[in-house]
C-alpha atoms as a PDB file:
ATOM      1  CA  MET A   1       1.920  15.705   7.427  1.00  0.00           C
ATOM      2  CA  LYS A   2      -1.892  16.373   6.982  1.00  0.00           C
ATOM      3  CA  LYS A   3      -3.898  13.782   5.572  1.00  0.00           C
ATOM      4  CA  VAL A   4      -7.616  12.804   5.721  1.00  0.00           C
ATOM      5  CA  TYR A   5      -9.034   9.298   4.687  1.00  0.00           C
ATOM      6  CA  PHE A   6     -12.962   9.577   4.129  1.00  0.00           C
ATOM      7  CA  LEU A   7     -15.812   8.383   2.136  1.00  0.00           C
ATOM      8  CA  GLN A   8     -17.639  10.794   0.019  1.00  0.00           C
ATOM      9  CA  THR A   9     -21.101   9.001   0.386  1.00  0.00           C
ATOM     10  CA  CYS A  10     -21.049   9.054   4.066  1.00  0.00           C
ATOM     11  CA  ASP A  11     -23.151  11.978   5.495  1.00  0.00           C
ATOM     12  CA  THR A  12     -21.076  11.967   8.785  1.00  0.00           C
ATOM     13  CA  CYS A  13     -17.885  12.292   6.853  1.00  0.00           C
ATOM     14  CA  ARG A  14     -19.185  15.127   4.802  1.00  0.00           C
ATOM     15  CA  ARG A  15     -20.652  16.829   7.812  1.00  0.00           C
ATOM     16  CA  ILE A  16     -17.110  16.620   9.784  1.00  0.00           C
ATOM     17  CA  LEU A  17     -15.229  17.606   6.699  1.00  0.00           C
ATOM     18  CA  LYS A  18     -17.203  20.764   6.501  1.00  0.00           C
ATOM     19  CA  GLU A  19     -16.671  21.477  10.278  1.00  0.00           C
ATOM     20  CA  VAL A  20     -12.885  21.296  10.105  1.00  0.00           C
ATOM     21  CA  ASN A  21     -10.309  23.523   8.360  1.00  0.00           C
ATOM     22  CA  LEU A  22      -8.818  21.222   5.807  1.00  0.00           C
ATOM     23  CA  ASP A  23      -6.159  23.918   4.524  1.00  0.00           C
ATOM     24  CA  GLY A  24      -3.086  21.952   3.699  1.00  0.00           C
ATOM     25  CA  PHE A  25      -4.750  18.495   4.003  1.00  0.00           C
ATOM     26  CA  GLU A  26      -4.148  15.779   1.481  1.00  0.00           C
ATOM     27  CA  LYS A  27      -7.643  14.315   0.854  1.00  0.00           C
ATOM     28  CA  GLN A  28      -8.119  10.611   0.009  1.00  0.00           C
ATOM     29  CA  GLU A  29     -11.558   9.194  -0.931  1.00  0.00           C
ATOM     30  CA  ILE A  30     -11.299   5.635  -0.112  1.00  0.00           C
ATOM     31  CA  LYS A  31     -13.908   4.135  -2.443  1.00  0.00           C
ATOM     32  CA  ALA A  32     -12.212   5.766  -5.464  1.00  0.00           C
ATOM     33  CA  ASN A  33      -8.841   5.391  -4.133  1.00  0.00           C
ATOM     34  CA  PRO A  34      -8.562   2.480  -1.680  1.00  0.00           C
ATOM     35  CA  VAL A  35      -6.195   2.513   1.197  1.00  0.00           C
ATOM     36  CA  THR A  36      -2.942   0.758   0.349  1.00  0.00           C
ATOM     37  CA  VAL A  37      -0.993  -1.854   2.630  1.00  0.00           C
ATOM     38  CA  SER A  38       1.474   0.941   3.568  1.00  0.00           C
ATOM     39  CA  GLN A  39      -1.210   3.471   4.228  1.00  0.00           C
ATOM     40  CA  LEU A  40      -2.818   1.017   6.616  1.00  0.00           C
ATOM     41  CA  GLU A  41       0.597   0.273   8.222  1.00  0.00           C
ATOM     42  CA  GLU A  42       1.210   3.920   8.811  1.00  0.00           C
ATOM     43  CA  MET A  43      -2.329   4.119  10.557  1.00  0.00           C
ATOM     44  CA  TYR A  44      -1.407   0.981  12.688  1.00  0.00           C
ATOM     45  CA  SER A  45       1.942   2.577  13.673  1.00  0.00           C
ATOM     46  CA  PHE A  46      -0.237   5.300  15.482  1.00  0.00           C
ATOM     47  CA  THR A  47      -3.008   3.159  16.894  1.00  0.00           C
ATOM     48  CA  LYS A  48      -1.115  -0.186  17.492  1.00  0.00           C
ATOM     49  CA  SER A  49      -4.451  -1.959  16.732  1.00  0.00           C
ATOM     50  CA  TYR A  50      -6.099  -2.888  13.613  1.00  0.00           C
ATOM     51  CA  GLU A  51      -9.344  -3.290  15.483  1.00  0.00           C
ATOM     52  CA  ALA A  52      -9.137   0.547  16.387  1.00  0.00           C
ATOM     53  CA  LEU A  53      -9.267   1.171  12.756  1.00  0.00           C
ATOM     54  CA  PHE A  54     -12.065  -1.168  12.010  1.00  0.00           C
ATOM     55  CA  ASN A  55     -15.745  -0.075  11.521  1.00  0.00           C
ATOM     56  CA  LYS A  56     -17.916  -2.432  13.357  1.00  0.00           C
ATOM     57  CA  ARG A  57     -21.031  -0.322  12.236  1.00  0.00           C
ATOM     58  CA  ALA A  58     -20.564  -1.132   8.654  1.00  0.00           C
ATOM     59  CA  LYS A  59     -23.426  -3.150   6.916  1.00  0.00           C
ATOM     60  CA  LYS A  60     -21.220  -5.777   5.644  1.00  0.00           C
ATOM     61  CA  TYR A  61     -19.934  -6.518   9.370  1.00  0.00           C
ATOM     62  CA  LYS A  62     -23.537  -7.772  10.128  1.00  0.00           C
ATOM     63  CA  ALA A  63     -24.159  -9.214   6.632  1.00  0.00           C
ATOM     64  CA  MET A  64     -20.986 -11.304   6.865  1.00  0.00           C
ATOM     65  CA  GLY A  65     -22.319 -12.453  10.402  1.00  0.00           C
ATOM     66  CA  LEU A  66     -18.947 -11.196  12.013  1.00  0.00           C
ATOM     67  CA  LYS A  67     -20.448  -9.907  15.219  1.00  0.00           C
ATOM     68  CA  GLY A  68     -19.596 -12.170  18.014  1.00  0.00           C
ATOM     69  CA  GLU A  69     -16.883 -14.021  16.257  1.00  0.00           C
ATOM     70  CA  SER A  70     -13.350 -14.046  17.565  1.00  0.00           C
ATOM     71  CA  ILE A  71     -11.365 -11.937  14.915  1.00  0.00           C
ATOM     72  CA  SER A  72      -7.672 -11.644  15.175  1.00  0.00           C
ATOM     73  CA  GLU A  73      -5.574  -8.455  14.554  1.00  0.00           C
ATOM     74  CA  GLN A  74      -4.459  -9.992  11.237  1.00  0.00           C
ATOM     75  CA  ASP A  75      -8.250 -10.739  10.084  1.00  0.00           C
ATOM     76  CA  TYR A  76      -9.091  -7.139  10.893  1.00  0.00           C
ATOM     77  CA  ARG A  77      -6.217  -5.933   8.890  1.00  0.00           C
ATOM     78  CA  GLN A  78      -7.255  -8.077   5.888  1.00  0.00           C
ATOM     79  CA  PHE A  79     -10.846  -7.089   6.140  1.00  0.00           C
ATOM     80  CA  ILE A  80      -9.786  -3.289   5.931  1.00  0.00           C
ATOM     81  CA  LEU A  81      -7.653  -3.983   2.923  1.00  0.00           C
ATOM     82  CA  ASP A  82     -10.429  -6.130   1.154  1.00  0.00           C
ATOM     83  CA  GLU A  83     -13.375  -3.707   1.690  1.00  0.00           C
ATOM     84  CA  TYR A  84     -13.171  -0.053   2.076  1.00  0.00           C
ATOM     85  CA  THR A  85     -16.340   0.115   4.140  1.00  0.00           C
ATOM     86  CA  PHE A  86     -14.546  -1.707   7.095  1.00  0.00           C
ATOM     87  CA  LEU A  87     -12.264   1.497   7.538  1.00  0.00           C
ATOM     88  CA  LYS A  88     -13.569   3.439  10.456  1.00  0.00           C
ATOM     89  CA  ARG A  89     -13.911   6.784   9.137  1.00  0.00           C
ATOM     90  CA  PRO A  90     -12.985   9.576   8.806  1.00  0.00           C
ATOM     91  CA  VAL A  91      -9.320   9.179   9.665  1.00  0.00           C
ATOM     92  CA  PHE A  92      -7.143  12.279  10.152  1.00  0.00           C
ATOM     93  CA  ILE A  93      -3.493  12.030  10.410  1.00  0.00           C
ATOM     94  CA  VAL A  94      -2.122  15.476  11.788  1.00  0.00           C
ATOM     95  CA  GLU A  95       1.742  15.530  12.114  1.00  0.00           C
ATOM     96  CA  ASN A  96       2.277  12.659  14.616  1.00  0.00           C
ATOM     97  CA  GLU A  97      -1.161  12.110  15.876  1.00  0.00           C
ATOM     98  CA  ILE A  98      -4.089  10.022  14.408  1.00  0.00           C
ATOM     99  CA  PHE A  99      -7.972  10.716  14.734  1.00  0.00           C
ATOM    100  CA  VAL A 100     -10.094   7.824  14.014  1.00  0.00           C
ATOM    101  CA  GLY A 101     -13.974   7.798  13.646  1.00  0.00           C
ATOM    102  CA  ASN A 102     -16.607  10.203  14.347  1.00  0.00           C
ATOM    103  CA  SER A 103     -17.193  10.250  17.962  1.00  0.00           C
ATOM    104  CA  LYS A 104     -17.780  13.695  19.458  1.00  0.00           C
ATOM    105  CA  LYS A 105     -14.718  13.328  21.620  1.00  0.00           C
ATOM    106  CA  GLU A 106     -12.563  12.537  18.666  1.00  0.00           C
ATOM    107  CA  VAL A 107     -13.801  15.449  16.482  1.00  0.00           C
ATOM    108  CA  GLU A 108     -13.290  17.716  19.399  1.00  0.00           C
ATOM    109  CA  ARG A 109      -9.653  16.455  19.725  1.00  0.00           C
ATOM    110  CA  LEU A 110      -9.063  16.984  16.176  1.00  0.00           C
ATOM    111  CA  LYS A 111     -10.501  20.392  16.121  1.00  0.00           C
ATOM    112  CA  ASP A 112      -8.261  21.249  19.318  1.00  0.00           C
ATOM    113  CA  LYS A 113      -5.205  20.065  17.601  1.00  0.00           C
ATOM    114  CA  ILE A 114      -5.599  21.986  14.130  1.00  0.00           C
ATOM    115  CA  ALA A 115      -7.052  25.307  15.630  1.00  0.00           C
END
């Protein structure tokens, strides 16, 4: 399976999508088509952590005063389900691996995998 979750209005997502060969990828824009419980559970099965899937750079993270708060795994899960901006993006699933976020290291790992 090849799938990518992204946000169309995110410049970084758009840049990474242009850099990567998307042949054969199912694409899901998460604002128009939010992540479902089963999709989030699938991502979790790879990471074993909702926090690893959570975007701490989201504007709402600061606006809601979450920085410095003690947040449980179940809270991270619910935040991601409730608000698309809390999913760290883009998320690529390639066969049996997941690539979360836009760090240089993660994008390079992704490129190596699909090259």
